[in-house]
Amino acid sequence: MLNQALRLIRTFYDVSQSELSASLGISNSYLSEIESGKKQPTIEILKKYSEQFEIPLSSIMFFSETLDSNKPSDKIRLHVAKKIVSILEWNQSRNEAAKNFSRKSKNI
């Protein structure tokens, strides 16, 4: 889920993977692997995200999963984090639809 949140943060700010990877000082392929969930970001990379987008590190860490935990508070946090990611994905698709509509209306 952290990978989804990081991708959604980047797209919300309309930053390309190339731009962000250069800003974070990592390769574009490494950023792509992080966003696809193939690799986990280091705490240093998360700190750079925090600084780049002016988001508290604790807010980014909210989306890190603890799969082994049986504590009720962790289960609630994970449930809320999933809902937030769903809302962000919905918002992203809504924004993309609005951009596509705007482009089409300009061509008319």
C-alpha atoms as a PDB file:
ATOM      1  CA  MET A   1       0.000   0.000   0.000  1.00  0.00           C
ATOM      2  CA  LEU A   2       2.932   2.343   0.625  1.00  0.00           C
ATOM      3  CA  ASN A   3       3.912   1.985  -3.019  1.00  0.00           C
ATOM      4  CA  GLN A   4       0.423   3.076  -4.114  1.00  0.00           C
ATOM      5  CA  ALA A   5       0.484   6.067  -1.774  1.00  0.00           C
ATOM      6  CA  LEU A   6       3.880   7.193  -3.089  1.00  0.00           C
ATOM      7  CA  ARG A   7       2.697   6.910  -6.697  1.00  0.00           C
ATOM      8  CA  LEU A   8      -0.492   8.820  -5.892  1.00  0.00           C
ATOM      9  CA  ILE A   9       1.440  11.569  -4.123  1.00  0.00           C
ATOM     10  CA  ARG A  10       3.655  11.976  -7.199  1.00  0.00           C
ATOM     11  CA  THR A  11       0.762  12.015  -9.647  1.00  0.00           C
ATOM     12  CA  PHE A  12      -1.282  14.364  -7.456  1.00  0.00           C
ATOM     13  CA  TYR A  13       1.499  16.922  -7.811  1.00  0.00           C
ATOM     14  CA  ASP A  14       1.722  16.142 -11.556  1.00  0.00           C
ATOM     15  CA  VAL A  15       5.392  15.152 -11.350  1.00  0.00           C
ATOM     16  CA  SER A  16       6.790  12.581 -13.770  1.00  0.00           C
ATOM     17  CA  GLN A  17       8.817   9.606 -12.581  1.00  0.00           C
ATOM     18  CA  SER A  18      11.859  11.047 -14.361  1.00  0.00           C
ATOM     19  CA  GLU A  19      11.532  14.401 -12.610  1.00  0.00           C
ATOM     20  CA  LEU A  20      11.030  12.835  -9.200  1.00  0.00           C
ATOM     21  CA  SER A  21      13.805  10.275  -9.544  1.00  0.00           C
ATOM     22  CA  ALA A  22      16.241  13.058 -10.455  1.00  0.00           C
ATOM     23  CA  SER A  23      15.065  15.112  -7.484  1.00  0.00           C
ATOM     24  CA  LEU A  24      15.372  12.146  -5.104  1.00  0.00           C
ATOM     25  CA  GLY A  25      18.783  11.171  -6.476  1.00  0.00           C
ATOM     26  CA  ILE A  26      17.717   7.676  -7.532  1.00  0.00           C
ATOM     27  CA  SER A  27      17.338   5.984 -10.894  1.00  0.00           C
ATOM     28  CA  ASN A  28      14.076   6.085 -12.765  1.00  0.00           C
ATOM     29  CA  SER A  29      13.963   2.277 -12.801  1.00  0.00           C
ATOM     30  CA  TYR A  30      14.383   2.135  -9.002  1.00  0.00           C
ATOM     31  CA  LEU A  31      11.528   4.607  -8.538  1.00  0.00           C
ATOM     32  CA  SER A  32       9.401   2.537 -10.896  1.00  0.00           C
ATOM     33  CA  GLU A  33      10.145  -0.593  -8.856  1.00  0.00           C
ATOM     34  CA  ILE A  34       9.203   1.227  -5.642  1.00  0.00           C
ATOM     35  CA  GLU A  35       5.919   2.475  -7.095  1.00  0.00           C
ATOM     36  CA  SER A  36       5.046  -0.968  -8.476  1.00  0.00           C
ATOM     37  CA  GLY A  37       5.757  -2.612  -5.115  1.00  0.00           C
ATOM     38  CA  LYS A  38       8.711  -4.673  -6.331  1.00  0.00           C
ATOM     39  CA  LYS A  39      11.096  -2.878  -3.963  1.00  0.00           C
ATOM     40  CA  GLN A  40      10.645  -1.187  -0.607  1.00  0.00           C
ATOM     41  CA  PRO A  41      11.857   2.400  -0.215  1.00  0.00           C
ATOM     42  CA  THR A  42      14.478   3.155   2.393  1.00  0.00           C
ATOM     43  CA  ILE A  43      13.739   5.576   5.196  1.00  0.00           C
ATOM     44  CA  GLU A  44      16.108   8.033   3.473  1.00  0.00           C
ATOM     45  CA  ILE A  45      13.991   7.958   0.325  1.00  0.00           C
ATOM     46  CA  LEU A  46      10.828   8.438   2.370  1.00  0.00           C
ATOM     47  CA  LYS A  47      12.435  11.439   4.068  1.00  0.00           C
ATOM     48  CA  LYS A  48      13.210  12.888   0.632  1.00  0.00           C
ATOM     49  CA  TYR A  49       9.578  12.359  -0.425  1.00  0.00           C
ATOM     50  CA  SER A  50       8.548  14.128   2.758  1.00  0.00           C
ATOM     51  CA  GLU A  51      10.764  17.111   1.971  1.00  0.00           C
ATOM     52  CA  GLN A  52       9.962  17.170  -1.753  1.00  0.00           C
ATOM     53  CA  PHE A  53       6.202  17.263  -1.288  1.00  0.00           C
ATOM     54  CA  GLU A  54       6.161  18.947   2.135  1.00  0.00           C
ATOM     55  CA  ILE A  55       4.289  16.036   3.723  1.00  0.00           C
ATOM     56  CA  PRO A  56       5.180  14.918   7.249  1.00  0.00           C
ATOM     57  CA  LEU A  57       7.119  11.662   7.244  1.00  0.00           C
ATOM     58  CA  SER A  58       4.641  10.282   9.768  1.00  0.00           C
ATOM     59  CA  SER A  59       1.838  10.784   7.238  1.00  0.00           C
ATOM     60  CA  ILE A  60       3.754   8.830   4.610  1.00  0.00           C
ATOM     61  CA  MET A  61       4.615   6.095   7.117  1.00  0.00           C
ATOM     62  CA  PHE A  62       0.899   5.761   7.892  1.00  0.00           C
ATOM     63  CA  PHE A  63       0.631   3.742   4.667  1.00  0.00           C
ATOM     64  CA  SER A  64       3.317   1.220   5.556  1.00  0.00           C
ATOM     65  CA  GLU A  65       1.763  -2.146   6.228  1.00  0.00           C
ATOM     66  CA  THR A  66       2.301  -4.385   9.227  1.00  0.00           C
ATOM     67  CA  LEU A  67       0.992  -7.711   8.014  1.00  0.00           C
ATOM     68  CA  ASP A  68       1.969  -9.749  11.087  1.00  0.00           C
ATOM     69  CA  SER A  69       0.342  -7.485  13.629  1.00  0.00           C
ATOM     70  CA  ASN A  70      -2.762  -8.606  15.476  1.00  0.00           C
ATOM     71  CA  LYS A  71      -3.190  -5.400  17.460  1.00  0.00           C
ATOM     72  CA  PRO A  72      -6.617  -3.805  16.927  1.00  0.00           C
ATOM     73  CA  SER A  73      -5.061  -0.375  16.471  1.00  0.00           C
ATOM     74  CA  ASP A  74      -2.869  -1.657  13.613  1.00  0.00           C
ATOM     75  CA  LYS A  75      -5.855  -3.309  11.959  1.00  0.00           C
ATOM     76  CA  ILE A  76      -7.808  -0.061  12.172  1.00  0.00           C
ATOM     77  CA  ARG A  77      -4.854   1.935  10.794  1.00  0.00           C
ATOM     78  CA  LEU A  78      -4.498  -0.468   7.888  1.00  0.00           C
ATOM     79  CA  HIS A  79      -8.237  -0.291   7.147  1.00  0.00           C
ATOM     80  CA  VAL A  80      -8.205   3.511   7.203  1.00  0.00           C
ATOM     81  CA  ALA A  81      -5.058   3.638   5.055  1.00  0.00           C
ATOM     82  CA  LYS A  82      -6.717   1.403   2.445  1.00  0.00           C
ATOM     83  CA  LYS A  83      -9.753   3.679   2.384  1.00  0.00           C
ATOM     84  CA  ILE A  84      -7.569   6.756   1.941  1.00  0.00           C
ATOM     85  CA  VAL A  85      -5.705   5.131  -0.955  1.00  0.00           C
ATOM     86  CA  SER A  86      -9.061   4.252  -2.552  1.00  0.00           C
ATOM     87  CA  ILE A  87     -10.204   7.859  -2.246  1.00  0.00           C
ATOM     88  CA  LEU A  88      -6.923   9.133  -3.704  1.00  0.00           C
ATOM     89  CA  GLU A  89      -7.203   6.695  -6.627  1.00  0.00           C
ATOM     90  CA  TRP A  90     -10.783   7.811  -7.253  1.00  0.00           C
ATOM     91  CA  ASN A  91      -9.668  11.446  -7.186  1.00  0.00           C
ATOM     92  CA  GLN A  92      -6.829  10.696  -9.602  1.00  0.00           C
ATOM     93  CA  SER A  93      -9.171   9.019 -12.084  1.00  0.00           C
ATOM     94  CA  ARG A  94     -11.584  11.949 -11.757  1.00  0.00           C
ATOM     95  CA  ASN A  95      -8.765  14.424 -12.473  1.00  0.00           C
ATOM     96  CA  GLU A  96      -7.608  12.410 -15.488  1.00  0.00           C
ATOM     97  CA  ALA A  97     -11.161  12.334 -16.851  1.00  0.00           C
ATOM     98  CA  ALA A  98     -11.427  16.114 -16.414  1.00  0.00           C
ATOM     99  CA  LYS A  99      -8.112  16.633 -18.249  1.00  0.00           C
ATOM    100  CA  ASN A 100      -9.271  14.392 -21.106  1.00  0.00           C
ATOM    101  CA  PHE A 101     -12.575  16.253 -21.321  1.00  0.00           C
ATOM    102  CA  SER A 102     -10.742  19.581 -21.397  1.00  0.00           C
ATOM    103  CA  ARG A 103      -8.473  18.385 -24.213  1.00  0.00           C
ATOM    104  CA  LYS A 104     -11.417  17.099 -26.231  1.00  0.00           C
ATOM    105  CA  SER A 105     -13.414  20.310 -25.778  1.00  0.00           C
ATOM    106  CA  LYS A 106     -10.447  22.362 -27.028  1.00  0.00           C
ATOM    107  CA  ASN A 107     -10.389  20.302 -30.214  1.00  0.00           C
ATOM    108  CA  ILE A 108     -14.054  20.998 -30.972  1.00  0.00           C
END
